[in-house]
Amino acid sequence: MNTDQVKGAMKDAAGKVQEKVGEVTGSREQEAKGVAKQVEGKTQKSFGDTKEAVKDAVNKP
């Protein structure tokens, strides 16, 4: 596991929380920011997954 995978997963989770807080408080702005953070987190995690797959392929005996 690399830092992009970890940071991406953390951003995704934080975005979900932020989205729910926005729903509960009725703040569309917070909901939107939460969704955007989720997208950013998923993108970063996918990038990390790709980096890990390339590293594994290169190091394969």
PDB file of N, CA and C in Angstrom:
ATOM      1  N   MET A   1       0.849  -1.171   0.000  1.00  0.00           N
ATOM      2  CA  MET A   1       0.000   0.000   0.000  1.00  0.00           C
ATOM      3  C   MET A   1       0.902   1.244   0.000  1.00  0.00           C
ATOM      4  N   ASN A   2       0.524   2.233  -0.799  1.00  0.00           N
ATOM      5  CA  ASN A   2       1.326   3.446  -0.868  1.00  0.00           C
ATOM      6  C   ASN A   2       0.535   4.643  -0.319  1.00  0.00           C
ATOM      7  N   THR A   3       1.212   5.772  -0.208  1.00  0.00           N
ATOM      8  CA  THR A   3       0.589   6.947   0.411  1.00  0.00           C
ATOM      9  C   THR A   3      -0.612   7.462  -0.373  1.00  0.00           C
ATOM     10  N   ASP A   4      -0.587   7.349  -1.697  1.00  0.00           N
ATOM     11  CA  ASP A   4      -1.742   7.811  -2.478  1.00  0.00           C
ATOM     12  C   ASP A   4      -2.976   6.969  -2.169  1.00  0.00           C
ATOM     13  N   GLN A   5      -2.792   5.690  -1.983  1.00  0.00           N
ATOM     14  CA  GLN A   5      -3.928   4.835  -1.646  1.00  0.00           C
ATOM     15  C   GLN A   5      -4.514   5.216  -0.290  1.00  0.00           C
ATOM     16  N   VAL A   6      -3.648   5.435   0.680  1.00  0.00           N
ATOM     17  CA  VAL A   6      -4.097   5.774   2.034  1.00  0.00           C
ATOM     18  C   VAL A   6      -4.750   7.154   2.062  1.00  0.00           C
ATOM     19  N   LYS A   7      -4.078   8.142   1.490  1.00  0.00           N
ATOM     20  CA  LYS A   7      -4.628   9.503   1.483  1.00  0.00           C
ATOM     21  C   LYS A   7      -5.935   9.562   0.706  1.00  0.00           C
ATOM     22  N   GLY A   8      -6.004   8.832  -0.391  1.00  0.00           N
ATOM     23  CA  GLY A   8      -7.230   8.811  -1.180  1.00  0.00           C
ATOM     24  C   GLY A   8      -8.392   8.220  -0.410  1.00  0.00           C
ATOM     25  N   ALA A   9      -8.145   7.126   0.286  1.00  0.00           N
ATOM     26  CA  ALA A   9      -9.198   6.491   1.086  1.00  0.00           C
ATOM     27  C   ALA A   9      -9.654   7.421   2.212  1.00  0.00           C
ATOM     28  N   MET A  10      -8.697   8.141   2.807  1.00  0.00           N
ATOM     29  CA  MET A  10      -9.047   9.067   3.884  1.00  0.00           C
ATOM     30  C   MET A  10      -9.877  10.244   3.356  1.00  0.00           C
ATOM     31  N   LYS A  11      -9.528  10.768   2.188  1.00  0.00           N
ATOM     32  CA  LYS A  11     -10.297  11.867   1.597  1.00  0.00           C
ATOM     33  C   LYS A  11     -11.710  11.408   1.251  1.00  0.00           C
ATOM     34  N   ASP A  12     -11.818  10.187   0.732  1.00  0.00           N
ATOM     35  CA  ASP A  12     -13.126   9.640   0.387  1.00  0.00           C
ATOM     36  C   ASP A  12     -14.000   9.547   1.637  1.00  0.00           C
ATOM     37  N   ALA A  13     -13.439   9.011   2.707  1.00  0.00           N
ATOM     38  CA  ALA A  13     -14.194   8.875   3.953  1.00  0.00           C
ATOM     39  C   ALA A  13     -14.585  10.238   4.519  1.00  0.00           C
ATOM     40  N   ALA A  14     -13.648  11.183   4.501  1.00  0.00           N
ATOM     41  CA  ALA A  14     -13.942  12.533   5.006  1.00  0.00           C
ATOM     42  C   ALA A  14     -15.023  13.192   4.161  1.00  0.00           C
ATOM     43  N   GLY A  15     -14.983  12.960   2.867  1.00  0.00           N
ATOM     44  CA  GLY A  15     -16.004  13.515   1.984  1.00  0.00           C
ATOM     45  C   GLY A  15     -17.384  12.961   2.271  1.00  0.00           C
ATOM     46  N   LYS A  16     -17.454  11.677   2.595  1.00  0.00           N
ATOM     47  CA  LYS A  16     -18.747  11.072   2.938  1.00  0.00           C
ATOM     48  C   LYS A  16     -19.315  11.701   4.205  1.00  0.00           C
ATOM     49  N   VAL A  17     -18.432  11.904   5.188  1.00  0.00           N
ATOM     50  CA  VAL A  17     -18.872  12.539   6.433  1.00  0.00           C
ATOM     51  C   VAL A  17     -19.346  13.957   6.155  1.00  0.00           C
ATOM     52  N   GLN A  18     -18.567  14.708   5.373  1.00  0.00           N
ATOM     53  CA  GLN A  18     -18.926  16.093   5.061  1.00  0.00           C
ATOM     54  C   GLN A  18     -20.251  16.152   4.308  1.00  0.00           C
ATOM     55  N   GLU A  19     -20.464  15.220   3.397  1.00  0.00           N
ATOM     56  CA  GLU A  19     -21.727  15.189   2.656  1.00  0.00           C
ATOM     57  C   GLU A  19     -22.898  14.945   3.601  1.00  0.00           C
ATOM     58  N   LYS A  20     -22.744  14.001   4.525  1.00  0.00           N
ATOM     59  CA  LYS A  20     -23.824  13.694   5.475  1.00  0.00           C
ATOM     60  C   LYS A  20     -24.101  14.872   6.402  1.00  0.00           C
ATOM     61  N   VAL A  21     -23.037  15.546   6.839  1.00  0.00           N
ATOM     62  CA  VAL A  21     -23.227  16.722   7.685  1.00  0.00           C
ATOM     63  C   VAL A  21     -24.014  17.783   6.916  1.00  0.00           C
ATOM     64  N   GLY A  22     -23.682  17.955   5.656  1.00  0.00           N
ATOM     65  CA  GLY A  22     -24.422  18.897   4.825  1.00  0.00           C
ATOM     66  C   GLY A  22     -25.883  18.531   4.687  1.00  0.00           C
ATOM     67  N   GLU A  23     -26.153  17.235   4.553  1.00  0.00           N
ATOM     68  CA  GLU A  23     -27.550  16.780   4.452  1.00  0.00           C
ATOM     69  C   GLU A  23     -28.305  17.083   5.743  1.00  0.00           C
ATOM     70  N   VAL A  24     -27.672  16.771   6.886  1.00  0.00           N
ATOM     71  CA  VAL A  24     -28.325  16.953   8.177  1.00  0.00           C
ATOM     72  C   VAL A  24     -28.571  18.428   8.472  1.00  0.00           C
ATOM     73  N   THR A  25     -27.611  19.263   8.130  1.00  0.00           N
ATOM     74  CA  THR A  25     -27.747  20.692   8.417  1.00  0.00           C
ATOM     75  C   THR A  25     -28.481  21.450   7.318  1.00  0.00           C
ATOM     76  N   GLY A  26     -28.726  20.787   6.204  1.00  0.00           N
ATOM     77  CA  GLY A  26     -29.417  21.438   5.098  1.00  0.00           C
ATOM     78  C   GLY A  26     -28.513  22.337   4.272  1.00  0.00           C
ATOM     79  N   SER A  27     -27.222  22.113   4.369  1.00  0.00           N
ATOM     80  CA  SER A  27     -26.260  22.947   3.638  1.00  0.00           C
ATOM     81  C   SER A  27     -25.885  22.264   2.323  1.00  0.00           C
ATOM     82  N   ARG A  28     -26.434  22.760   1.241  1.00  0.00           N
ATOM     83  CA  ARG A  28     -26.111  22.211  -0.079  1.00  0.00           C
ATOM     84  C   ARG A  28     -24.630  22.409  -0.400  1.00  0.00           C
ATOM     85  N   GLU A  29     -24.048  23.508   0.085  1.00  0.00           N
ATOM     86  CA  GLU A  29     -22.635  23.788  -0.165  1.00  0.00           C
ATOM     87  C   GLU A  29     -21.751  22.702   0.462  1.00  0.00           C
ATOM     88  N   GLN A  30     -22.052  22.326   1.698  1.00  0.00           N
ATOM     89  CA  GLN A  30     -21.264  21.287   2.359  1.00  0.00           C
ATOM     90  C   GLN A  30     -21.465  19.926   1.682  1.00  0.00           C
ATOM     91  N   GLU A  31     -22.680  19.660   1.247  1.00  0.00           N
ATOM     92  CA  GLU A  31     -22.938  18.418   0.516  1.00  0.00           C
ATOM     93  C   GLU A  31     -22.081  18.361  -0.745  1.00  0.00           C
ATOM     94  N   ALA A  32     -22.070  19.449  -1.490  1.00  0.00           N
ATOM     95  CA  ALA A  32     -21.307  19.500  -2.742  1.00  0.00           C
ATOM     96  C   ALA A  32     -19.813  19.364  -2.479  1.00  0.00           C
ATOM     97  N   LYS A  33     -19.335  20.042  -1.443  1.00  0.00           N
ATOM     98  CA  LYS A  33     -17.916  19.927  -1.095  1.00  0.00           C
ATOM     99  C   LYS A  33     -17.580  18.488  -0.697  1.00  0.00           C
ATOM    100  N   GLY A  34     -18.482  17.843   0.002  1.00  0.00           N
ATOM    101  CA  GLY A  34     -18.263  16.455   0.397  1.00  0.00           C
ATOM    102  C   GLY A  34     -18.192  15.524  -0.801  1.00  0.00           C
ATOM    103  N   VAL A  35     -19.083  15.719  -1.745  1.00  0.00           N
ATOM    104  CA  VAL A  35     -19.076  14.896  -2.962  1.00  0.00           C
ATOM    105  C   VAL A  35     -17.791  15.136  -3.747  1.00  0.00           C
ATOM    106  N   ALA A  36     -17.385  16.397  -3.845  1.00  0.00           N
ATOM    107  CA  ALA A  36     -16.149  16.729  -4.567  1.00  0.00           C
ATOM    108  C   ALA A  36     -14.939  16.079  -3.891  1.00  0.00           C
ATOM    109  N   LYS A  37     -14.931  16.090  -2.565  1.00  0.00           N
ATOM    110  CA  LYS A  37     -13.823  15.481  -1.829  1.00  0.00           C
ATOM    111  C   LYS A  37     -13.804  13.961  -2.054  1.00  0.00           C
ATOM    112  N   GLN A  38     -14.978  13.364  -2.149  1.00  0.00           N
ATOM    113  CA  GLN A  38     -15.058  11.926  -2.420  1.00  0.00           C
ATOM    114  C   GLN A  38     -14.467  11.601  -3.782  1.00  0.00           C
ATOM    115  N   VAL A  39     -14.823  12.396  -4.777  1.00  0.00           N
ATOM    116  CA  VAL A  39     -14.298  12.186  -6.131  1.00  0.00           C
ATOM    117  C   VAL A  39     -12.779  12.331  -6.128  1.00  0.00           C
ATOM    118  N   GLU A  40     -12.294  13.363  -5.452  1.00  0.00           N
ATOM    119  CA  GLU A  40     -10.848  13.580  -5.361  1.00  0.00           C
ATOM    120  C   GLU A  40     -10.169  12.390  -4.676  1.00  0.00           C
ATOM    121  N   GLY A  41     -10.767  11.910  -3.605  1.00  0.00           N
ATOM    122  CA  GLY A  41     -10.200  10.779  -2.880  1.00  0.00           C
ATOM    123  C   GLY A  41     -10.188   9.506  -3.706  1.00  0.00           C
ATOM    124  N   LYS A  42     -11.281   9.241  -4.399  1.00  0.00           N
ATOM    125  CA  LYS A  42     -11.346   8.034  -5.231  1.00  0.00           C
ATOM    126  C   LYS A  42     -10.341   8.098  -6.377  1.00  0.00           C
ATOM    127  N   THR A  43     -10.166   9.293  -6.934  1.00  0.00           N
ATOM    128  CA  THR A  43      -9.196   9.476  -8.013  1.00  0.00           C
ATOM    129  C   THR A  43      -7.782   9.238  -7.503  1.00  0.00           C
ATOM    130  N   GLN A  44      -7.472   9.809  -6.344  1.00  0.00           N
ATOM    131  CA  GLN A  44      -6.138   9.634  -5.773  1.00  0.00           C
ATOM    132  C   GLN A  44      -5.890   8.167  -5.423  1.00  0.00           C
ATOM    133  N   LYS A  45      -6.896   7.497  -4.880  1.00  0.00           N
ATOM    134  CA  LYS A  45      -6.737   6.087  -4.533  1.00  0.00           C
ATOM    135  C   LYS A  45      -6.523   5.253  -5.801  1.00  0.00           C
ATOM    136  N   SER A  46      -7.261   5.554  -6.852  1.00  0.00           N
ATOM    137  CA  SER A  46      -7.083   4.828  -8.112  1.00  0.00           C
ATOM    138  C   SER A  46      -5.684   5.026  -8.675  1.00  0.00           C
ATOM    139  N   PHE A  47      -5.178   6.264  -8.568  1.00  0.00           N
ATOM    140  CA  PHE A  47      -3.815   6.547  -8.991  1.00  0.00           C
ATOM    141  C   PHE A  47      -2.831   5.713  -8.179  1.00  0.00           C
ATOM    142  N   GLY A  48      -3.046   5.636  -6.884  1.00  0.00           N
ATOM    143  CA  GLY A  48      -2.192   4.823  -6.018  1.00  0.00           C
ATOM    144  C   GLY A  48      -2.276   3.345  -6.368  1.00  0.00           C
ATOM    145  N   ASP A  49      -3.476   2.880  -6.682  1.00  0.00           N
ATOM    146  CA  ASP A  49      -3.651   1.475  -7.084  1.00  0.00           C
ATOM    147  C   ASP A  49      -2.864   1.188  -8.357  1.00  0.00           C
ATOM    148  N   THR A  50      -2.911   2.123  -9.299  1.00  0.00           N
ATOM    149  CA  THR A  50      -2.185   1.957 -10.557  1.00  0.00           C
ATOM    150  C   THR A  50      -0.680   1.930 -10.307  1.00  0.00           C
ATOM    151  N   LYS A  51      -0.199   2.848  -9.482  1.00  0.00           N
ATOM    152  CA  LYS A  51       1.228   2.869  -9.145  1.00  0.00           C
ATOM    153  C   LYS A  51       1.654   1.545  -8.510  1.00  0.00           C
ATOM    154  N   GLU A  52       0.826   1.026  -7.639  1.00  0.00           N
ATOM    155  CA  GLU A  52       1.137  -0.233  -6.956  1.00  0.00           C
ATOM    156  C   GLU A  52       1.165  -1.394  -7.954  1.00  0.00           C
ATOM    157  N   ALA A  53       0.219  -1.409  -8.881  1.00  0.00           N
ATOM    158  CA  ALA A  53       0.166  -2.472  -9.876  1.00  0.00           C
ATOM    159  C   ALA A  53       1.393  -2.435 -10.776  1.00  0.00           C
ATOM    160  N   VAL A  54       1.816  -1.230 -11.168  1.00  0.00           N
ATOM    161  CA  VAL A  54       3.021  -1.103 -12.004  1.00  0.00           C
ATOM    162  C   VAL A  54       4.251  -1.566 -11.234  1.00  0.00           C
ATOM    163  N   LYS A  55       4.334  -1.153  -9.978  1.00  0.00           N
ATOM    164  CA  LYS A  55       5.470  -1.564  -9.142  1.00  0.00           C
ATOM    165  C   LYS A  55       5.525  -3.087  -8.999  1.00  0.00           C
ATOM    166  N   ASP A  56       4.366  -3.686  -8.774  1.00  0.00           N
ATOM    167  CA  ASP A  56       4.301  -5.151  -8.652  1.00  0.00           C
ATOM    168  C   ASP A  56       4.693  -5.834  -9.948  1.00  0.00           C
ATOM    169  N   ALA A  57       4.254  -5.281 -11.076  1.00  0.00           N
ATOM    170  CA  ALA A  57       4.575  -5.878 -12.372  1.00  0.00           C
ATOM    171  C   ALA A  57       6.074  -5.778 -12.669  1.00  0.00           C
ATOM    172  N   VAL A  58       6.681  -4.670 -12.310  1.00  0.00           N
ATOM    173  CA  VAL A  58       8.107  -4.482 -12.546  1.00  0.00           C
ATOM    174  C   VAL A  58       8.935  -5.394 -11.641  1.00  0.00           C
ATOM    175  N   ASN A  59       8.497  -5.587 -10.426  1.00  0.00           N
ATOM    176  CA  ASN A  59       9.248  -6.399  -9.463  1.00  0.00           C
ATOM    177  C   ASN A  59       8.946  -7.878  -9.548  1.00  0.00           C
ATOM    178  N   LYS A  60       8.069  -8.269 -10.442  1.00  0.00           N
ATOM    179  CA  LYS A  60       7.696  -9.673 -10.580  1.00  0.00           C
ATOM    180  C   LYS A  60       8.881 -10.463 -11.154  1.00  0.00           C
ATOM    181  N   PRO A  61       9.243 -11.575 -10.511  1.00  0.00           N
ATOM    182  CA  PRO A  61      10.400 -12.357 -10.988  1.00  0.00           C
ATOM    183  C   PRO A  61      10.160 -13.068 -12.306  1.00  0.00           C
TER     184      PRO A  61
END
